[in-house]
Amino acid sequence: MAKRTIDKAKAAKKDEFYTQLEDINNELRHYREHFRGKTVLCNCDDPRVSNFFTYFAYNFEFLGLKKLITTCYKNQDMDLFSMNKSEQAVYLVYEGDKNGNHIPDAEEIGVKPLKGDGDFRSNECIELLKEADVVVTNPPFSLFREYVAQLLEYDKKFLIIGHQNALSYKEIFPLIRDNKMWLGFGFKGNAGHFISAYEDVATAGDHRKGMIRVSGVTWFTNLDYKERHEDIILYKSYSPEEYPTYDNYDAINVGKTADIPCDYDGVMGVPITFIDKYNPDQFEILGMSASAGYNADIVGIPFKGDKDARPLINGKNTYARIFIKKK
């Protein structure tokens, strides 16, 4: 899905993008050791149709879970796209197989009404959040900042879906920089197909019936996994001609992550897509260039110029950059 389409969805508060079981399984397999003995909360899902509930319920014993809780927002109909017309919500609690058939049967799943609408910000949903060890879900794109802030306020481990545009949010980037949150293993090709009633603008070759293609979608987490610590292989040598210094920053420009020079120890400006391959053992993130105005906390290195903080080379604007140094 083109960026403009997801921006329209955010502006219209259209947040019904439902995750495929295949994508959940492909991501969760990297974090299995984090779930043993834990209570998992999926608090942005209709638990009776959510693939997050399906994944955790059917893998409850395999993962060694303690408890699974899922909540939904204003949706008591089995129709996935009921548009949240109900003013009451429900939550489900599953504590594992009781009859020995290794299947989450209906009589083993506790369905309980919520007093309110199931909004993750409501007091009763916050009480469920307090009970959880790990939160795994696809939160509303339009409330991503607020959702992450709540997870941090209650010191929760999490694995959630968001859009890569969130990397540049002033509320989100410092978390990435300070190693409090990072990208997960990710969707293949940085794009995902979600079950959705919205119009799909994907090309014919990438169209899937009843689904919508979202480009730039990714996982955000504070659960560690081994692939995150793989070094980027550096092979290029520094030269002033190939790596010019910015007019307004004491840093060199690197056009591609693959072109990071192996023999340069100073500050480098790299594309935002560097985050996909970022190894915190190999590099330190110092800051990020701002598109409008200079914010010392976000940019992270001294700025030489006026209010426009975009990196300049010979007076010309370059693309947004993340500033890094080798460790």
Protein backbone atom coordinates (compact mmCIF):
# COMPACT_ATOMS: atom_id res chain seq x y z
CA MET A 1 0.00 0.00 0.00
CA ALA A 2 1.35 3.41 -0.88
CA LYS A 3 2.39 5.73 1.95
CA ARG A 4 -0.42 8.16 1.11
CA THR A 5 -2.98 5.40 1.64
CA ILE A 6 -1.79 4.58 5.13
CA ASP A 7 -1.60 8.29 5.93
CA LYS A 8 -5.25 8.63 4.92
CA ALA A 9 -6.14 5.69 7.11
CA LYS A 10 -4.39 7.29 10.07
CA ALA A 11 -6.10 10.62 9.49
CA ALA A 12 -9.50 8.93 9.29
CA LYS A 13 -8.74 6.76 12.35
CA LYS A 14 -9.17 3.65 10.21
CA ASP A 15 -7.16 1.16 12.20
CA GLU A 16 -8.69 -2.20 11.27
CA PHE A 17 -5.66 -3.98 9.84
CA TYR A 18 -5.68 -7.62 10.99
CA THR A 19 -2.46 -9.63 11.01
CA GLN A 20 -1.98 -12.94 9.21
CA LEU A 21 -1.13 -16.00 11.28
CA GLU A 22 1.80 -16.69 8.94
CA ASP A 23 3.37 -13.30 9.69
CA ILE A 24 2.87 -13.74 13.44
CA ASN A 25 4.54 -17.15 13.36
CA ASN A 26 7.44 -15.90 11.22
CA GLU A 27 8.22 -13.17 13.75
CA LEU A 28 7.47 -14.93 17.04
CA ARG A 29 9.81 -17.83 16.31
CA HIS A 30 12.74 -15.51 17.08
CA TYR A 31 11.63 -14.84 20.66
CA ARG A 32 10.45 -18.16 22.06
CA GLU A 33 12.74 -18.07 25.10
CA HIS A 34 11.09 -14.83 26.28
CA PHE A 35 7.66 -16.39 26.87
CA ARG A 36 8.21 -19.30 29.24
CA GLY A 37 6.25 -18.80 32.46
CA LYS A 38 4.89 -15.45 31.24
CA THR A 39 1.45 -13.87 31.01
CA VAL A 40 0.84 -12.54 27.49
CA LEU A 41 -1.60 -9.73 26.75
CA CYS A 42 -3.00 -8.95 23.29
CA ASN A 43 -4.98 -5.80 24.04
CA CYS A 44 -5.90 -4.58 20.56
CA ASP A 45 -7.59 -7.71 19.23
CA ASP A 46 -11.05 -9.19 19.06
CA PRO A 47 -10.02 -12.39 20.86
CA ARG A 48 -12.58 -14.60 19.09
CA VAL A 49 -11.17 -13.90 15.64
CA SER A 50 -7.66 -12.61 16.36
CA ASN A 51 -4.74 -14.52 14.90
CA PHE A 52 -2.65 -13.37 17.85
CA PHE A 53 -5.02 -15.27 20.14
CA THR A 54 -4.91 -18.26 17.81
CA TYR A 55 -1.11 -18.32 17.78
CA PHE A 56 -0.67 -18.12 21.54
CA ALA A 57 -3.58 -20.43 22.40
CA TYR A 58 -2.44 -23.23 20.09
CA ASN A 59 1.21 -22.79 21.15
CA PHE A 60 0.42 -22.30 24.84
CA GLU A 61 2.17 -25.45 26.10
CA PHE A 62 4.95 -25.28 23.50
CA LEU A 63 5.89 -21.77 24.65
CA GLY A 64 5.33 -22.63 28.30
CA LEU A 65 2.95 -19.73 28.89
CA LYS A 66 1.38 -18.98 32.26
CA LYS A 67 -1.71 -17.15 30.98
CA LEU A 68 -3.09 -15.55 27.82
CA ILE A 69 -5.35 -12.48 27.95
CA THR A 70 -6.87 -10.80 24.91
CA THR A 71 -9.19 -7.80 24.77
CA CYS A 72 -11.15 -6.09 22.03
CA TYR A 73 -12.44 -2.58 21.50
CA LYS A 74 -16.22 -2.10 21.09
CA ASN A 75 -16.72 -5.29 19.15
CA GLN A 76 -19.02 -8.07 20.27
CA ASP A 77 -19.93 -9.32 16.83
CA MET A 78 -18.23 -12.20 15.05
CA ASP A 79 -17.97 -9.97 11.98
CA LEU A 80 -14.33 -8.90 11.87
CA PHE A 81 -15.28 -5.53 10.42
CA SER A 82 -18.18 -4.54 12.64
CA MET A 83 -16.70 -1.02 12.83
CA ASN A 84 -16.76 -1.05 16.64
CA LYS A 85 -20.44 -0.16 16.92
CA SER A 86 -20.96 -1.97 20.22
CA GLU A 87 -20.36 0.14 23.32
CA GLN A 88 -19.22 -2.84 25.36
CA ALA A 89 -16.25 -5.09 24.88
CA VAL A 90 -15.10 -8.48 26.11
CA TYR A 91 -11.86 -10.12 27.12
CA LEU A 92 -10.77 -13.74 27.04
CA VAL A 93 -8.54 -15.58 29.47
CA TYR A 94 -6.88 -18.87 28.56
CA GLU A 95 -4.70 -20.77 31.02
CA GLY A 96 -3.88 -23.84 29.00
CA ASP A 97 -5.23 -27.26 28.12
CA LYS A 98 -7.34 -28.88 30.83
CA ASN A 99 -8.82 -31.99 29.15
CA GLY A 100 -5.68 -33.38 27.56
CA ASN A 101 -6.58 -32.97 23.90
CA HIS A 102 -3.99 -30.17 23.44
CA ILE A 103 -6.57 -27.92 21.77
CA PRO A 104 -7.97 -24.68 23.25
CA ASP A 105 -11.64 -25.70 23.55
CA ALA A 106 -14.46 -23.23 24.12
CA GLU A 107 -15.12 -24.52 27.65
CA GLU A 108 -11.47 -23.86 28.55
CA ILE A 109 -11.59 -20.21 27.46
CA GLY A 110 -13.11 -17.72 29.84
CA VAL A 111 -15.16 -15.04 28.07
CA LYS A 112 -15.73 -12.05 30.33
CA PRO A 113 -17.49 -8.73 29.68
CA LEU A 114 -15.75 -5.42 30.21
CA LYS A 115 -17.63 -2.57 31.81
CA GLY A 116 -16.37 -0.07 29.28
CA ASP A 117 -15.48 -0.03 25.61
CA GLY A 118 -12.21 -1.97 25.84
CA ASP A 119 -9.99 1.00 24.99
CA PHE A 120 -6.42 0.14 26.00
CA ARG A 121 -6.30 3.44 27.92
CA SER A 122 -9.30 2.60 30.14
CA ASN A 123 -8.75 1.80 33.81
CA GLU A 124 -9.93 -1.81 33.54
CA CYS A 125 -7.68 -2.48 30.55
CA ILE A 126 -4.76 -0.90 32.38
CA GLU A 127 -5.38 -3.35 35.23
CA LEU A 128 -5.05 -6.20 32.72
CA LEU A 129 -1.89 -4.58 31.40
CA LYS A 130 -0.42 -4.54 34.90
CA GLU A 131 -0.99 -8.28 35.11
CA ALA A 132 0.89 -8.98 31.87
CA ASP A 133 4.58 -9.70 31.39
CA VAL A 134 4.68 -9.36 27.59
CA VAL A 135 2.34 -7.46 25.23
CA VAL A 136 2.04 -8.68 21.63
CA THR A 137 -0.39 -7.08 19.20
CA ASN A 138 -1.00 -4.81 16.21
CA PRO A 139 -2.01 -1.51 17.86
CA PRO A 140 -3.90 1.29 16.08
CA PHE A 141 -1.58 3.13 13.70
CA SER A 142 -3.22 6.43 14.66
CA LEU A 143 -2.41 5.93 18.37
CA PHE A 144 1.08 4.45 18.07
CA ARG A 145 2.86 7.16 20.09
CA GLU A 146 0.37 6.94 22.92
CA TYR A 147 0.38 3.15 22.88
CA VAL A 148 4.17 2.91 23.19
CA ALA A 149 4.21 5.55 25.94
CA GLN A 150 1.81 3.42 28.00
CA LEU A 151 3.94 0.31 27.58
CA LEU A 152 6.98 2.19 28.83
CA GLU A 153 5.07 3.78 31.70
CA TYR A 154 4.19 0.32 33.01
CA ASP A 155 7.62 -1.13 32.18
CA LYS A 156 6.34 -3.88 29.88
CA LYS A 157 8.13 -6.11 27.44
CA PHE A 158 6.47 -5.90 24.04
CA LEU A 159 6.41 -6.96 20.40
CA ILE A 160 4.11 -4.78 18.32
CA ILE A 161 3.50 -3.83 14.71
CA GLY A 162 3.94 -0.28 13.46
CA HIS A 163 5.01 1.69 10.42
CA GLN A 164 8.64 2.60 9.80
CA ASN A 165 7.61 6.26 9.65
CA ALA A 166 7.38 6.06 13.44
CA LEU A 167 11.19 5.92 13.56
CA SER A 168 11.28 9.67 12.94
CA TYR A 169 8.69 10.56 15.60
CA LYS A 170 10.22 12.72 18.32
CA GLU A 171 8.63 10.42 20.91
CA ILE A 172 9.97 7.24 19.29
CA PHE A 173 13.44 7.98 17.91
CA PRO A 174 15.07 8.63 21.33
CA LEU A 175 13.92 5.15 22.39
CA ILE A 176 15.70 3.66 19.37
CA ARG A 177 18.79 5.77 20.01
CA ASP A 178 18.94 4.87 23.70
CA ASN A 179 18.47 1.14 23.02
CA LYS A 180 15.13 1.00 24.84
CA MET A 181 13.31 -0.18 21.71
CA TRP A 182 14.45 -1.61 18.39
CA LEU A 183 13.14 -3.18 15.23
CA GLY A 184 12.14 -6.82 15.20
CA PHE A 185 13.16 -9.41 12.63
CA GLY A 186 10.66 -7.89 10.23
CA PHE A 187 8.29 -8.57 7.36
CA LYS A 188 9.68 -9.93 4.12
CA GLY A 189 10.46 -7.00 1.86
CA ASN A 190 9.33 -4.56 4.57
CA ALA A 191 5.73 -5.04 3.47
CA GLY A 192 2.83 -7.00 4.89
CA HIS A 193 -0.58 -8.17 3.71
CA PHE A 194 -3.29 -7.56 6.29
CA ILE A 195 -6.88 -8.77 6.43
CA SER A 196 -8.86 -5.61 5.80
CA ALA A 197 -12.06 -4.21 4.36
CA TYR A 198 -10.23 -1.18 2.94
CA GLU A 199 -9.51 -0.72 -0.73
CA ASP A 200 -6.27 -2.38 -1.80
CA VAL A 201 -4.10 -0.41 -4.22
CA ALA A 202 -1.44 -3.10 -4.58
CA THR A 203 -0.37 -4.08 -8.09
CA ALA A 204 -2.17 -7.04 -9.64
CA GLY A 205 0.81 -9.33 -9.04
CA ASP A 206 0.87 -8.49 -5.34
CA HIS A 207 -2.86 -8.32 -4.70
CA ARG A 208 -4.49 -10.79 -2.32
CA LYS A 209 -8.27 -10.99 -2.12
CA GLY A 210 -9.73 -9.59 1.09
CA MET A 211 -6.39 -8.13 2.09
CA ILE A 212 -4.50 -4.88 1.84
CA ARG A 213 -0.78 -4.51 1.22
CA VAL A 214 1.02 -2.14 3.59
CA SER A 215 4.55 -1.12 2.62
CA GLY A 216 6.98 0.05 5.27
CA VAL A 217 5.35 -2.00 8.02
CA THR A 218 7.64 -3.42 10.68
CA TRP A 219 7.82 -4.87 14.21
CA PHE A 220 8.96 -2.83 17.21
CA THR A 221 10.16 -4.58 20.34
CA ASN A 222 12.32 -4.56 23.46
CA LEU A 223 12.79 -8.34 23.35
CA ASP A 224 16.30 -9.26 22.28
CA TYR A 225 17.06 -11.83 19.56
CA LYS A 226 20.32 -13.15 18.17
CA GLU A 227 20.01 -11.80 14.61
CA ARG A 228 20.03 -8.28 16.03
CA HIS A 229 23.69 -8.74 17.00
CA GLU A 230 25.02 -9.73 13.59
CA ASP A 231 27.66 -7.31 12.28
CA ILE A 232 27.22 -5.40 9.06
CA ILE A 233 30.10 -6.49 6.82
CA LEU A 234 32.12 -3.40 5.91
CA TYR A 235 34.41 -3.49 2.90
CA LYS A 236 34.70 0.03 1.45
CA SER A 237 37.51 2.48 2.21
CA TYR A 238 37.01 6.14 3.08
CA SER A 239 37.85 8.91 0.64
CA PRO A 240 36.82 12.59 0.87
CA GLU A 241 35.59 12.48 -2.70
CA GLU A 242 33.16 9.60 -2.17
CA TYR A 243 32.13 10.64 1.35
CA PRO A 244 31.71 14.43 1.42
CA THR A 245 31.34 16.31 4.71
CA TYR A 246 28.06 18.15 5.32
CA ASP A 247 28.03 21.95 5.27
CA ASN A 248 26.11 22.13 8.54
CA TYR A 249 27.25 19.02 10.44
CA ASP A 250 30.68 17.66 11.29
CA ALA A 251 29.87 14.31 9.70
CA ILE A 252 30.37 12.56 6.39
CA ASN A 253 27.55 11.47 4.13
CA VAL A 254 27.07 7.76 3.42
CA GLY A 255 24.57 7.09 0.65
CA LYS A 256 23.88 3.42 1.40
CA THR A 257 24.23 1.32 4.54
CA ALA A 258 26.30 -1.17 2.54
CA ASP A 259 28.76 1.65 1.75
CA ILE A 260 29.70 2.48 5.35
CA PRO A 261 33.53 2.74 5.24
CA CYS A 262 35.46 0.23 7.32
CA ASP A 263 38.30 2.66 8.10
CA TYR A 264 36.44 5.78 9.28
CA ASP A 265 35.95 6.39 13.01
CA GLY A 266 34.20 9.76 12.92
CA VAL A 267 30.50 10.65 12.73
CA MET A 268 28.61 9.40 9.67
CA GLY A 269 25.19 10.26 8.32
CA VAL A 270 23.47 7.10 7.05
CA PRO A 271 20.01 6.43 5.57
CA ILE A 272 17.14 5.76 7.98
CA THR A 273 16.97 2.22 6.53
CA PHE A 274 20.24 1.61 8.43
CA ILE A 275 18.00 0.77 11.41
CA ASP A 276 16.97 -2.47 9.66
CA LYS A 277 20.55 -3.78 10.02
CA TYR A 278 21.66 -1.89 13.13
CA ASN A 279 23.79 -3.88 15.56
CA PRO A 280 24.16 -2.03 18.90
CA ASP A 281 27.44 -3.87 19.54
CA GLN A 282 28.95 -2.49 16.34
CA PHE A 283 27.62 1.08 16.15
CA GLU A 284 26.39 3.87 18.39
CA ILE A 285 23.44 5.99 17.29
CA LEU A 286 24.07 9.66 18.10
CA GLY A 287 21.01 11.34 16.63
CA MET A 288 18.96 12.09 13.54
CA SER A 289 18.71 15.09 11.27
CA ALA A 290 15.50 17.10 11.61
CA SER A 291 13.41 18.11 8.62
CA ALA A 292 12.20 21.36 10.17
CA GLY A 293 14.02 23.14 12.96
CA TYR A 294 16.95 22.10 15.13
CA ASN A 295 16.27 19.94 18.16
CA ALA A 296 19.57 19.30 19.94
CA ASP A 297 18.23 16.25 21.78
CA ILE A 298 17.09 14.55 18.57
CA VAL A 299 19.95 15.59 16.28
CA GLY A 300 22.57 14.64 18.84
CA ILE A 301 25.58 16.39 17.26
CA PRO A 302 26.49 20.08 16.91
CA PHE A 303 24.61 21.93 14.19
CA LYS A 304 26.17 24.74 12.16
CA GLY A 305 23.53 26.84 10.48
CA ASP A 306 20.12 28.42 10.78
CA LYS A 307 16.81 26.81 11.68
CA ASP A 308 16.76 24.35 8.79
CA ALA A 309 18.54 21.28 10.14
CA ARG A 310 18.45 19.14 7.01
CA PRO A 311 21.93 17.93 6.01
CA LEU A 312 23.41 20.09 3.27
CA ILE A 313 26.18 19.29 0.79
CA ASN A 314 27.42 22.26 -1.25
CA GLY A 315 24.27 24.10 -0.26
CA LYS A 316 21.91 21.37 -1.49
CA ASN A 317 19.54 19.37 0.70
CA THR A 318 20.18 15.68 1.16
CA TYR A 319 17.85 13.00 2.49
CA ALA A 320 17.12 12.54 6.19
CA ARG A 321 20.03 10.90 7.97
CA ILE A 322 20.79 9.04 11.17
CA PHE A 323 24.12 9.99 12.72
CA ILE A 324 26.26 7.07 13.88
CA LYS A 325 29.78 6.18 14.99
CA LYS A 326 31.56 2.87 15.10
CA LYS A 327 32.17 1.43 18.58
